[in-house]
Amino acid sequence: MSPFLFFESRIMITVKQVRDLVDQRIEGTDIFVVDITVSAANAIRVTVDADSGVSIEKCIEVSRQVEHNLDRETEDFSLEVTSFGLTEPLQLHRQYVKNTGRNLKIRLSDDTQVRGKLIKVADDFIQLEKILTKKQKKEGVEKDLKINFKDIIQAKIEISFK
């Protein structure tokens, strides 16, 4: 037995390759990329969102674009294209804009949490109409809250069934 180990040569698919393919497909649409990951085993995960919402058909179109332009003979891969979930934290400025008017639950860098209705999105901050308790209303607590993006650790949409 030879003391040398032979490794199978693998070609890694890069995030840039996938991003370029996705960008070709979504150009001119309201779809945007939230995240792309490629594992060492070429497991590709693409998360997309859209200003008008993401249908299964939109995910399929993006998936086909990537799948048909990568060669499984050269580089084996798995592919998952998914829409941004309502339970996921917002990641992009565009997602805040899209969700103006919705209630958010935000964890700040000082580890406090605030809740409120997103009423304004600027380049470097958001403004919430803070949800006040009855006690806070009586005490005259400030109702609108301006939060710099740099102070936001996590922001999630609060789903209401009312």
N, C-alpha and C. Protein backbone atom coordinates (compact mmCIF):
# COMPACT_ATOMS: atom_id res chain seq x y z
N MET A 1 0.84 -1.19 0.00
CA MET A 1 0.00 0.00 0.00
C MET A 1 0.88 1.24 0.00
N SER A 2 0.56 2.16 -0.80
CA SER A 2 1.34 3.38 -0.94
C SER A 2 1.14 4.28 0.28
N PRO A 3 2.21 4.93 0.73
CA PRO A 3 2.09 5.85 1.86
C PRO A 3 1.43 7.17 1.46
N PHE A 4 1.15 7.36 0.17
CA PHE A 4 0.56 8.60 -0.29
C PHE A 4 -0.96 8.46 -0.35
N LEU A 5 -1.63 9.49 0.07
CA LEU A 5 -3.09 9.51 -0.01
C LEU A 5 -3.49 10.30 -1.24
N PHE A 6 -4.45 9.80 -1.93
CA PHE A 6 -4.94 10.49 -3.12
C PHE A 6 -6.33 11.02 -2.81
N PHE A 7 -6.52 12.28 -3.09
CA PHE A 7 -7.81 12.91 -2.84
C PHE A 7 -8.49 13.18 -4.17
N GLU A 8 -9.78 12.96 -4.16
CA GLU A 8 -10.56 13.27 -5.35
C GLU A 8 -10.57 14.78 -5.55
N SER A 9 -10.29 15.19 -6.74
CA SER A 9 -10.30 16.62 -7.03
C SER A 9 -11.76 17.10 -7.11
N ARG A 10 -12.10 18.08 -6.29
CA ARG A 10 -13.45 18.62 -6.30
C ARG A 10 -13.41 20.08 -6.70
N ILE A 11 -14.39 20.45 -7.43
CA ILE A 11 -14.53 21.85 -7.80
C ILE A 11 -15.59 22.44 -6.89
N MET A 12 -15.23 23.51 -6.22
CA MET A 12 -16.18 24.19 -5.34
C MET A 12 -16.99 25.19 -6.15
N ILE A 13 -18.26 25.15 -5.94
CA ILE A 13 -19.13 26.17 -6.51
C ILE A 13 -19.05 27.36 -5.57
N THR A 14 -18.93 28.55 -6.12
CA THR A 14 -18.79 29.74 -5.28
C THR A 14 -20.11 30.49 -5.15
N VAL A 15 -20.21 31.25 -4.09
CA VAL A 15 -21.38 32.10 -3.88
C VAL A 15 -21.49 33.08 -5.05
N LYS A 16 -20.35 33.59 -5.52
CA LYS A 16 -20.38 34.53 -6.64
C LYS A 16 -20.97 33.89 -7.89
N GLN A 17 -20.60 32.66 -8.20
CA GLN A 17 -21.18 31.96 -9.36
C GLN A 17 -22.70 31.90 -9.24
N VAL A 18 -23.16 31.48 -8.08
CA VAL A 18 -24.60 31.33 -7.85
C VAL A 18 -25.27 32.70 -7.92
N ARG A 19 -24.65 33.69 -7.28
CA ARG A 19 -25.23 35.04 -7.26
C ARG A 19 -25.37 35.59 -8.68
N ASP A 20 -24.35 35.38 -9.51
CA ASP A 20 -24.41 35.85 -10.90
C ASP A 20 -25.57 35.20 -11.66
N LEU A 21 -25.76 33.90 -11.46
CA LEU A 21 -26.86 33.19 -12.13
C LEU A 21 -28.22 33.69 -11.63
N VAL A 22 -28.35 33.86 -10.34
CA VAL A 22 -29.61 34.35 -9.77
C VAL A 22 -29.89 35.77 -10.27
N ASP A 23 -28.86 36.61 -10.24
CA ASP A 23 -29.04 38.00 -10.69
C ASP A 23 -29.51 38.06 -12.15
N GLN A 24 -29.01 37.15 -13.00
CA GLN A 24 -29.45 37.11 -14.40
C GLN A 24 -30.95 36.86 -14.47
N ARG A 25 -31.44 35.98 -13.61
CA ARG A 25 -32.86 35.59 -13.65
C ARG A 25 -33.77 36.67 -13.07
N ILE A 26 -33.32 37.35 -12.02
CA ILE A 26 -34.21 38.28 -11.33
C ILE A 26 -34.11 39.72 -11.85
N GLU A 27 -33.17 39.95 -12.76
CA GLU A 27 -33.01 41.30 -13.31
C GLU A 27 -34.33 41.77 -13.92
N GLY A 28 -34.72 42.98 -13.56
CA GLY A 28 -35.94 43.55 -14.10
C GLY A 28 -37.20 43.12 -13.37
N THR A 29 -37.06 42.34 -12.30
CA THR A 29 -38.22 41.93 -11.49
C THR A 29 -38.12 42.60 -10.12
N ASP A 30 -39.12 42.37 -9.29
CA ASP A 30 -39.07 42.90 -7.92
C ASP A 30 -38.48 41.89 -6.94
N ILE A 31 -37.95 40.79 -7.46
CA ILE A 31 -37.32 39.78 -6.61
C ILE A 31 -35.92 40.26 -6.22
N PHE A 32 -35.53 39.98 -4.98
CA PHE A 32 -34.17 40.31 -4.55
C PHE A 32 -33.63 39.19 -3.67
N VAL A 33 -32.30 39.08 -3.65
CA VAL A 33 -31.63 38.03 -2.89
C VAL A 33 -31.47 38.48 -1.44
N VAL A 34 -31.87 37.63 -0.52
CA VAL A 34 -31.65 37.89 0.90
C VAL A 34 -30.35 37.24 1.33
N ASP A 35 -30.12 36.00 0.89
CA ASP A 35 -28.92 35.28 1.31
C ASP A 35 -28.62 34.14 0.34
N ILE A 36 -27.33 33.86 0.18
CA ILE A 36 -26.88 32.70 -0.58
C ILE A 36 -25.76 32.05 0.22
N THR A 37 -25.89 30.74 0.42
CA THR A 37 -24.80 29.99 1.06
C THR A 37 -24.46 28.78 0.19
N VAL A 38 -23.18 28.43 0.21
CA VAL A 38 -22.70 27.23 -0.48
C VAL A 38 -21.78 26.52 0.51
N SER A 39 -22.15 25.29 0.89
CA SER A 39 -21.34 24.54 1.85
C SER A 39 -20.15 23.89 1.15
N ALA A 40 -19.25 23.33 1.94
CA ALA A 40 -18.09 22.63 1.39
C ALA A 40 -18.51 21.44 0.53
N ALA A 41 -19.69 20.90 0.77
CA ALA A 41 -20.21 19.77 -0.01
C ALA A 41 -21.07 20.24 -1.19
N ASN A 42 -20.98 21.51 -1.54
CA ASN A 42 -21.75 22.11 -2.64
C ASN A 42 -23.26 22.04 -2.41
N ALA A 43 -23.67 22.18 -1.15
CA ALA A 43 -25.09 22.33 -0.85
C ALA A 43 -25.41 23.82 -0.97
N ILE A 44 -26.19 24.16 -1.97
CA ILE A 44 -26.50 25.56 -2.28
C ILE A 44 -27.87 25.89 -1.69
N ARG A 45 -27.92 27.03 -0.97
CA ARG A 45 -29.20 27.51 -0.44
C ARG A 45 -29.33 28.98 -0.83
N VAL A 46 -30.41 29.28 -1.54
CA VAL A 46 -30.69 30.63 -2.00
C VAL A 46 -32.00 31.07 -1.34
N THR A 47 -31.96 32.21 -0.65
CA THR A 47 -33.16 32.76 -0.04
C THR A 47 -33.49 34.06 -0.76
N VAL A 48 -34.72 34.15 -1.28
CA VAL A 48 -35.14 35.32 -2.03
C VAL A 48 -36.38 35.94 -1.39
N ASP A 49 -36.60 37.19 -1.70
CA ASP A 49 -37.79 37.90 -1.27
C ASP A 49 -38.22 38.75 -2.46
N ALA A 50 -39.38 39.34 -2.38
CA ALA A 50 -39.86 40.22 -3.45
C ALA A 50 -40.79 41.26 -2.85
N ASP A 51 -40.80 42.42 -3.45
CA ASP A 51 -41.66 43.50 -2.96
C ASP A 51 -43.13 43.09 -2.99
N SER A 52 -43.49 42.25 -3.97
CA SER A 52 -44.89 41.82 -4.11
C SER A 52 -45.13 40.43 -3.52
N GLY A 53 -44.15 39.89 -2.82
CA GLY A 53 -44.28 38.54 -2.27
C GLY A 53 -43.66 37.51 -3.21
N VAL A 54 -43.29 36.38 -2.64
CA VAL A 54 -42.62 35.34 -3.42
C VAL A 54 -43.55 34.13 -3.55
N SER A 55 -43.85 33.79 -4.78
CA SER A 55 -44.67 32.61 -5.04
C SER A 55 -43.77 31.40 -5.26
N ILE A 56 -44.36 30.23 -5.23
CA ILE A 56 -43.61 29.01 -5.52
C ILE A 56 -43.05 29.09 -6.95
N GLU A 57 -43.82 29.64 -7.86
CA GLU A 57 -43.38 29.75 -9.24
C GLU A 57 -42.11 30.58 -9.36
N LYS A 58 -42.02 31.68 -8.60
CA LYS A 58 -40.82 32.51 -8.63
C LYS A 58 -39.61 31.74 -8.12
N CYS A 59 -39.81 30.96 -7.06
CA CYS A 59 -38.70 30.13 -6.54
C CYS A 59 -38.27 29.09 -7.56
N ILE A 60 -39.23 28.49 -8.24
CA ILE A 60 -38.92 27.48 -9.26
C ILE A 60 -38.12 28.10 -10.40
N GLU A 61 -38.50 29.29 -10.84
CA GLU A 61 -37.78 29.96 -11.92
C GLU A 61 -36.33 30.23 -11.54
N VAL A 62 -36.10 30.69 -10.32
CA VAL A 62 -34.73 30.94 -9.86
C VAL A 62 -33.97 29.63 -9.77
N SER A 63 -34.62 28.60 -9.24
CA SER A 63 -33.99 27.29 -9.10
C SER A 63 -33.56 26.74 -10.46
N ARG A 64 -34.45 26.83 -11.43
CA ARG A 64 -34.13 26.33 -12.79
C ARG A 64 -32.96 27.08 -13.41
N GLN A 65 -32.91 28.39 -13.18
CA GLN A 65 -31.82 29.19 -13.72
C GLN A 65 -30.47 28.69 -13.19
N VAL A 66 -30.41 28.44 -11.91
CA VAL A 66 -29.16 27.98 -11.31
C VAL A 66 -28.86 26.55 -11.76
N GLU A 67 -29.85 25.68 -11.63
CA GLU A 67 -29.64 24.26 -11.94
C GLU A 67 -29.24 24.03 -13.39
N HIS A 68 -29.85 24.74 -14.31
CA HIS A 68 -29.57 24.54 -15.73
C HIS A 68 -28.24 25.14 -16.18
N ASN A 69 -27.63 25.95 -15.33
CA ASN A 69 -26.37 26.59 -15.72
C ASN A 69 -25.17 26.10 -14.92
N LEU A 70 -25.37 25.10 -14.09
CA LEU A 70 -24.26 24.42 -13.42
C LEU A 70 -24.23 22.99 -13.93
N ASP A 71 -23.05 22.45 -14.13
CA ASP A 71 -22.89 21.13 -14.70
C ASP A 71 -22.66 20.09 -13.60
N ARG A 72 -23.64 19.21 -13.39
CA ARG A 72 -23.51 18.17 -12.36
C ARG A 72 -22.40 17.18 -12.66
N GLU A 73 -22.04 17.05 -13.92
CA GLU A 73 -20.94 16.15 -14.30
C GLU A 73 -19.61 16.68 -13.77
N THR A 74 -19.47 17.99 -13.78
CA THR A 74 -18.24 18.62 -13.31
C THR A 74 -18.25 18.83 -11.81
N GLU A 75 -19.40 19.24 -11.28
CA GLU A 75 -19.52 19.56 -9.87
C GLU A 75 -20.90 19.16 -9.37
N ASP A 76 -20.94 18.11 -8.57
CA ASP A 76 -22.21 17.66 -8.02
C ASP A 76 -22.66 18.67 -6.97
N PHE A 77 -23.96 18.90 -6.88
CA PHE A 77 -24.47 19.87 -5.92
C PHE A 77 -25.91 19.55 -5.56
N SER A 78 -26.34 20.10 -4.43
CA SER A 78 -27.76 20.09 -4.10
C SER A 78 -28.19 21.56 -4.07
N LEU A 79 -29.45 21.79 -4.37
CA LEU A 79 -29.93 23.17 -4.50
C LEU A 79 -31.27 23.32 -3.80
N GLU A 80 -31.37 24.37 -3.00
CA GLU A 80 -32.63 24.73 -2.36
C GLU A 80 -32.84 26.23 -2.57
N VAL A 81 -33.95 26.57 -3.19
CA VAL A 81 -34.33 27.98 -3.34
C VAL A 81 -35.59 28.17 -2.52
N THR A 82 -35.53 29.10 -1.59
CA THR A 82 -36.63 29.29 -0.66
C THR A 82 -36.98 30.77 -0.56
N SER A 83 -38.20 31.04 -0.14
CA SER A 83 -38.60 32.42 0.08
C SER A 83 -38.29 32.81 1.52
N PHE A 84 -38.13 34.09 1.74
CA PHE A 84 -37.88 34.61 3.06
C PHE A 84 -39.09 34.31 3.94
N GLY A 85 -38.85 33.73 5.10
CA GLY A 85 -39.94 33.38 6.00
C GLY A 85 -40.29 34.50 6.96
N LEU A 86 -41.55 34.60 7.31
CA LEU A 86 -42.00 35.65 8.22
C LEU A 86 -41.39 35.53 9.61
N THR A 87 -40.92 34.36 9.98
CA THR A 87 -40.34 34.18 11.30
C THR A 87 -38.83 34.48 11.31
N GLU A 88 -38.26 34.76 10.14
CA GLU A 88 -36.83 35.05 10.04
C GLU A 88 -36.58 36.52 10.34
N PRO A 89 -35.40 36.84 10.88
CA PRO A 89 -35.06 38.25 11.11
C PRO A 89 -34.86 38.99 9.79
N LEU A 90 -35.26 40.25 9.76
CA LEU A 90 -35.02 41.08 8.59
C LEU A 90 -33.51 41.28 8.45
N GLN A 91 -33.02 41.25 7.21
CA GLN A 91 -31.59 41.37 6.97
C GLN A 91 -31.21 42.57 6.11
N LEU A 92 -32.11 42.98 5.25
CA LEU A 92 -31.78 44.01 4.28
C LEU A 92 -32.64 45.25 4.45
N HIS A 93 -32.08 46.40 4.11
CA HIS A 93 -32.81 47.66 4.14
C HIS A 93 -34.12 47.54 3.36
N ARG A 94 -34.05 46.89 2.20
CA ARG A 94 -35.22 46.74 1.33
C ARG A 94 -36.35 45.97 2.04
N GLN A 95 -35.99 45.06 2.93
CA GLN A 95 -37.02 44.32 3.66
C GLN A 95 -37.74 45.22 4.67
N TYR A 96 -37.01 46.15 5.26
CA TYR A 96 -37.65 47.10 6.16
C TYR A 96 -38.65 47.95 5.38
N VAL A 97 -38.22 48.44 4.22
CA VAL A 97 -39.10 49.27 3.38
C VAL A 97 -40.36 48.47 3.02
N LYS A 98 -40.17 47.24 2.60
CA LYS A 98 -41.28 46.37 2.21
C LYS A 98 -42.28 46.18 3.36
N ASN A 99 -41.78 46.16 4.57
CA ASN A 99 -42.62 45.86 5.73
C ASN A 99 -43.06 47.09 6.52
N THR A 100 -42.97 48.27 5.90
CA THR A 100 -43.49 49.48 6.53
C THR A 100 -44.98 49.28 6.80
N GLY A 101 -45.39 49.65 8.00
CA GLY A 101 -46.79 49.49 8.39
C GLY A 101 -47.03 48.24 9.22
N ARG A 102 -46.04 47.36 9.30
CA ARG A 102 -46.17 46.13 10.09
C ARG A 102 -45.54 46.32 11.46
N ASN A 103 -45.99 45.51 12.40
CA ASN A 103 -45.40 45.53 13.73
C ASN A 103 -44.11 44.73 13.76
N LEU A 104 -43.10 45.28 14.42
CA LEU A 104 -41.80 44.62 14.55
C LEU A 104 -41.46 44.42 16.02
N LYS A 105 -40.70 43.38 16.27
CA LYS A 105 -40.10 43.14 17.58
C LYS A 105 -38.60 43.24 17.35
N ILE A 106 -37.95 44.17 18.05
CA ILE A 106 -36.54 44.47 17.79
C ILE A 106 -35.71 44.29 19.05
N ARG A 107 -34.59 43.58 18.89
CA ARG A 107 -33.60 43.46 19.97
C ARG A 107 -32.47 44.41 19.63
N LEU A 108 -32.15 45.28 20.59
CA LEU A 108 -31.13 46.31 20.37
C LEU A 108 -29.78 45.88 20.93
N SER A 109 -28.74 46.61 20.56
CA SER A 109 -27.37 46.28 20.97
C SER A 109 -27.18 46.33 22.48
N ASP A 110 -28.02 47.08 23.20
CA ASP A 110 -27.93 47.10 24.66
C ASP A 110 -28.78 45.98 25.28
N ASP A 111 -29.23 45.04 24.45
CA ASP A 111 -30.01 43.86 24.82
C ASP A 111 -31.44 44.17 25.29
N THR A 112 -31.91 45.38 25.04
CA THR A 112 -33.31 45.68 25.32
C THR A 112 -34.15 45.30 24.10
N GLN A 113 -35.44 45.12 24.35
CA GLN A 113 -36.36 44.82 23.25
C GLN A 113 -37.41 45.90 23.17
N VAL A 114 -37.76 46.24 21.95
CA VAL A 114 -38.85 47.19 21.72
C VAL A 114 -39.78 46.60 20.68
N ARG A 115 -41.01 47.01 20.78
CA ARG A 115 -42.02 46.60 19.81
C ARG A 115 -42.69 47.85 19.28
N GLY A 116 -43.09 47.78 18.03
CA GLY A 116 -43.80 48.91 17.49
C GLY A 116 -44.11 48.73 16.03
N LYS A 117 -44.93 49.62 15.55
CA LYS A 117 -45.33 49.63 14.14
C LYS A 117 -44.28 50.43 13.37
N LEU A 118 -43.72 49.82 12.33
CA LEU A 118 -42.72 50.48 11.49
C LEU A 118 -43.40 51.55 10.65
N ILE A 119 -43.05 52.81 10.91
CA ILE A 119 -43.73 53.90 10.20
C ILE A 119 -42.83 54.66 9.24
N LYS A 120 -41.49 54.49 9.39
CA LYS A 120 -40.58 55.20 8.49
C LYS A 120 -39.28 54.42 8.38
N VAL A 121 -38.72 54.41 7.16
CA VAL A 121 -37.41 53.81 6.93
C VAL A 121 -36.57 54.83 6.18
N ALA A 122 -35.45 55.22 6.79
CA ALA A 122 -34.50 56.13 6.16
C ALA A 122 -33.23 55.34 5.84
N ASP A 123 -32.22 56.02 5.32
CA ASP A 123 -30.98 55.33 4.97
C ASP A 123 -30.28 54.71 6.18
N ASP A 124 -30.31 55.41 7.31
CA ASP A 124 -29.55 54.91 8.46
C ASP A 124 -30.38 54.68 9.72
N PHE A 125 -31.69 54.86 9.65
CA PHE A 125 -32.53 54.60 10.81
C PHE A 125 -33.95 54.21 10.40
N ILE A 126 -34.65 53.65 11.38
CA ILE A 126 -36.09 53.38 11.20
C ILE A 126 -36.82 54.13 12.30
N GLN A 127 -38.11 54.32 12.10
CA GLN A 127 -38.93 54.95 13.12
C GLN A 127 -40.12 54.05 13.40
N LEU A 128 -40.32 53.79 14.68
CA LEU A 128 -41.44 52.96 15.13
C LEU A 128 -42.46 53.81 15.85
N GLU A 129 -43.70 53.45 15.66
CA GLU A 129 -44.75 53.95 16.53
C GLU A 129 -44.83 52.92 17.63
N LYS A 130 -44.27 53.26 18.77
CA LYS A 130 -44.10 52.31 19.85
C LYS A 130 -45.46 51.86 20.40
N ILE A 131 -45.57 50.56 20.65
CA ILE A 131 -46.77 50.00 21.25
C ILE A 131 -46.66 50.21 22.76
N LEU A 132 -47.56 50.98 23.30
CA LEU A 132 -47.50 51.34 24.71
C LEU A 132 -48.51 50.56 25.54
N THR A 133 -48.11 50.25 26.77
CA THR A 133 -49.05 49.66 27.72
C THR A 133 -49.95 50.77 28.24
N LYS A 134 -51.04 50.41 28.91
CA LYS A 134 -51.94 51.42 29.48
C LYS A 134 -51.20 52.31 30.47
N LYS A 135 -50.31 51.70 31.26
CA LYS A 135 -49.54 52.45 32.25
C LYS A 135 -48.62 53.47 31.56
N GLN A 136 -47.95 53.04 30.48
CA GLN A 136 -47.06 53.94 29.76
C GLN A 136 -47.83 55.10 29.16
N LYS A 137 -49.04 54.83 28.67
CA LYS A 137 -49.86 55.89 28.09
C LYS A 137 -50.20 56.93 29.15
N LYS A 138 -50.56 56.45 30.36
CA LYS A 138 -50.89 57.36 31.46
C LYS A 138 -49.70 58.21 31.86
N GLU A 139 -48.50 57.61 31.81
CA GLU A 139 -47.29 58.31 32.24
C GLU A 139 -46.73 59.22 31.15
N GLY A 140 -47.35 59.23 29.99
CA GLY A 140 -46.92 60.10 28.90
C GLY A 140 -45.61 59.67 28.27
N VAL A 141 -45.37 58.37 28.19
CA VAL A 141 -44.16 57.85 27.58
C VAL A 141 -44.15 58.21 26.09
N GLU A 142 -42.95 58.54 25.57
CA GLU A 142 -42.81 58.91 24.16
C GLU A 142 -43.36 57.81 23.26
N LYS A 143 -44.14 58.19 22.27
CA LYS A 143 -44.81 57.21 21.43
C LYS A 143 -43.99 56.78 20.22
N ASP A 144 -43.29 57.71 19.56
CA ASP A 144 -42.47 57.35 18.40
C ASP A 144 -41.04 57.13 18.84
N LEU A 145 -40.38 56.17 18.20
CA LEU A 145 -39.03 55.80 18.58
C LEU A 145 -38.17 55.70 17.33
N LYS A 146 -37.08 56.44 17.30
CA LYS A 146 -36.13 56.43 16.18
C LYS A 146 -34.98 55.49 16.56
N ILE A 147 -34.68 54.52 15.69
CA ILE A 147 -33.64 53.53 15.98
C ILE A 147 -32.65 53.49 14.81
N ASN A 148 -31.38 53.68 15.11
CA ASN A 148 -30.34 53.56 14.09
C ASN A 148 -30.14 52.10 13.72
N PHE A 149 -29.92 51.84 12.45
CA PHE A 149 -29.70 50.47 11.99
C PHE A 149 -28.53 49.82 12.73
N LYS A 150 -27.49 50.61 13.04
CA LYS A 150 -26.31 50.06 13.70
C LYS A 150 -26.63 49.55 15.11
N ASP A 151 -27.75 49.99 15.69
CA ASP A 151 -28.14 49.56 17.03
C ASP A 151 -29.05 48.34 17.02
N ILE A 152 -29.46 47.89 15.84
CA ILE A 152 -30.37 46.76 15.74
C ILE A 152 -29.58 45.46 15.65
N ILE A 153 -29.79 44.59 16.61
CA ILE A 153 -29.19 43.25 16.57
C ILE A 153 -30.09 42.32 15.77
N GLN A 154 -31.39 42.43 15.99
CA GLN A 154 -32.35 41.56 15.29
C GLN A 154 -33.71 42.24 15.24
N ALA A 155 -34.36 42.15 14.10
CA ALA A 155 -35.72 42.67 13.94
C ALA A 155 -36.56 41.62 13.26
N LYS A 156 -37.69 41.30 13.89
CA LYS A 156 -38.60 40.31 13.32
C LYS A 156 -39.98 40.91 13.19
N ILE A 157 -40.70 40.44 12.19
CA ILE A 157 -42.08 40.84 12.00
C ILE A 157 -42.93 40.14 13.05
N GLU A 158 -43.81 40.88 13.69
CA GLU A 158 -44.74 40.27 14.63
C GLU A 158 -46.00 39.92 13.86
N ILE A 159 -46.33 38.67 13.87
CA ILE A 159 -47.51 38.21 13.14
C ILE A 159 -48.74 38.39 14.03
N SER A 160 -49.75 39.03 13.48
CA SER A 160 -50.98 39.28 14.23
C SER A 160 -52.14 38.54 13.56
N PHE A 161 -52.94 37.91 14.38
CA PHE A 161 -54.09 37.16 13.86
C PHE A 161 -55.40 37.85 14.20
N LYS A 162 -55.35 39.14 14.43
CA LYS A 162 -56.55 39.91 14.78
C LYS A 162 -57.34 40.26 13.57
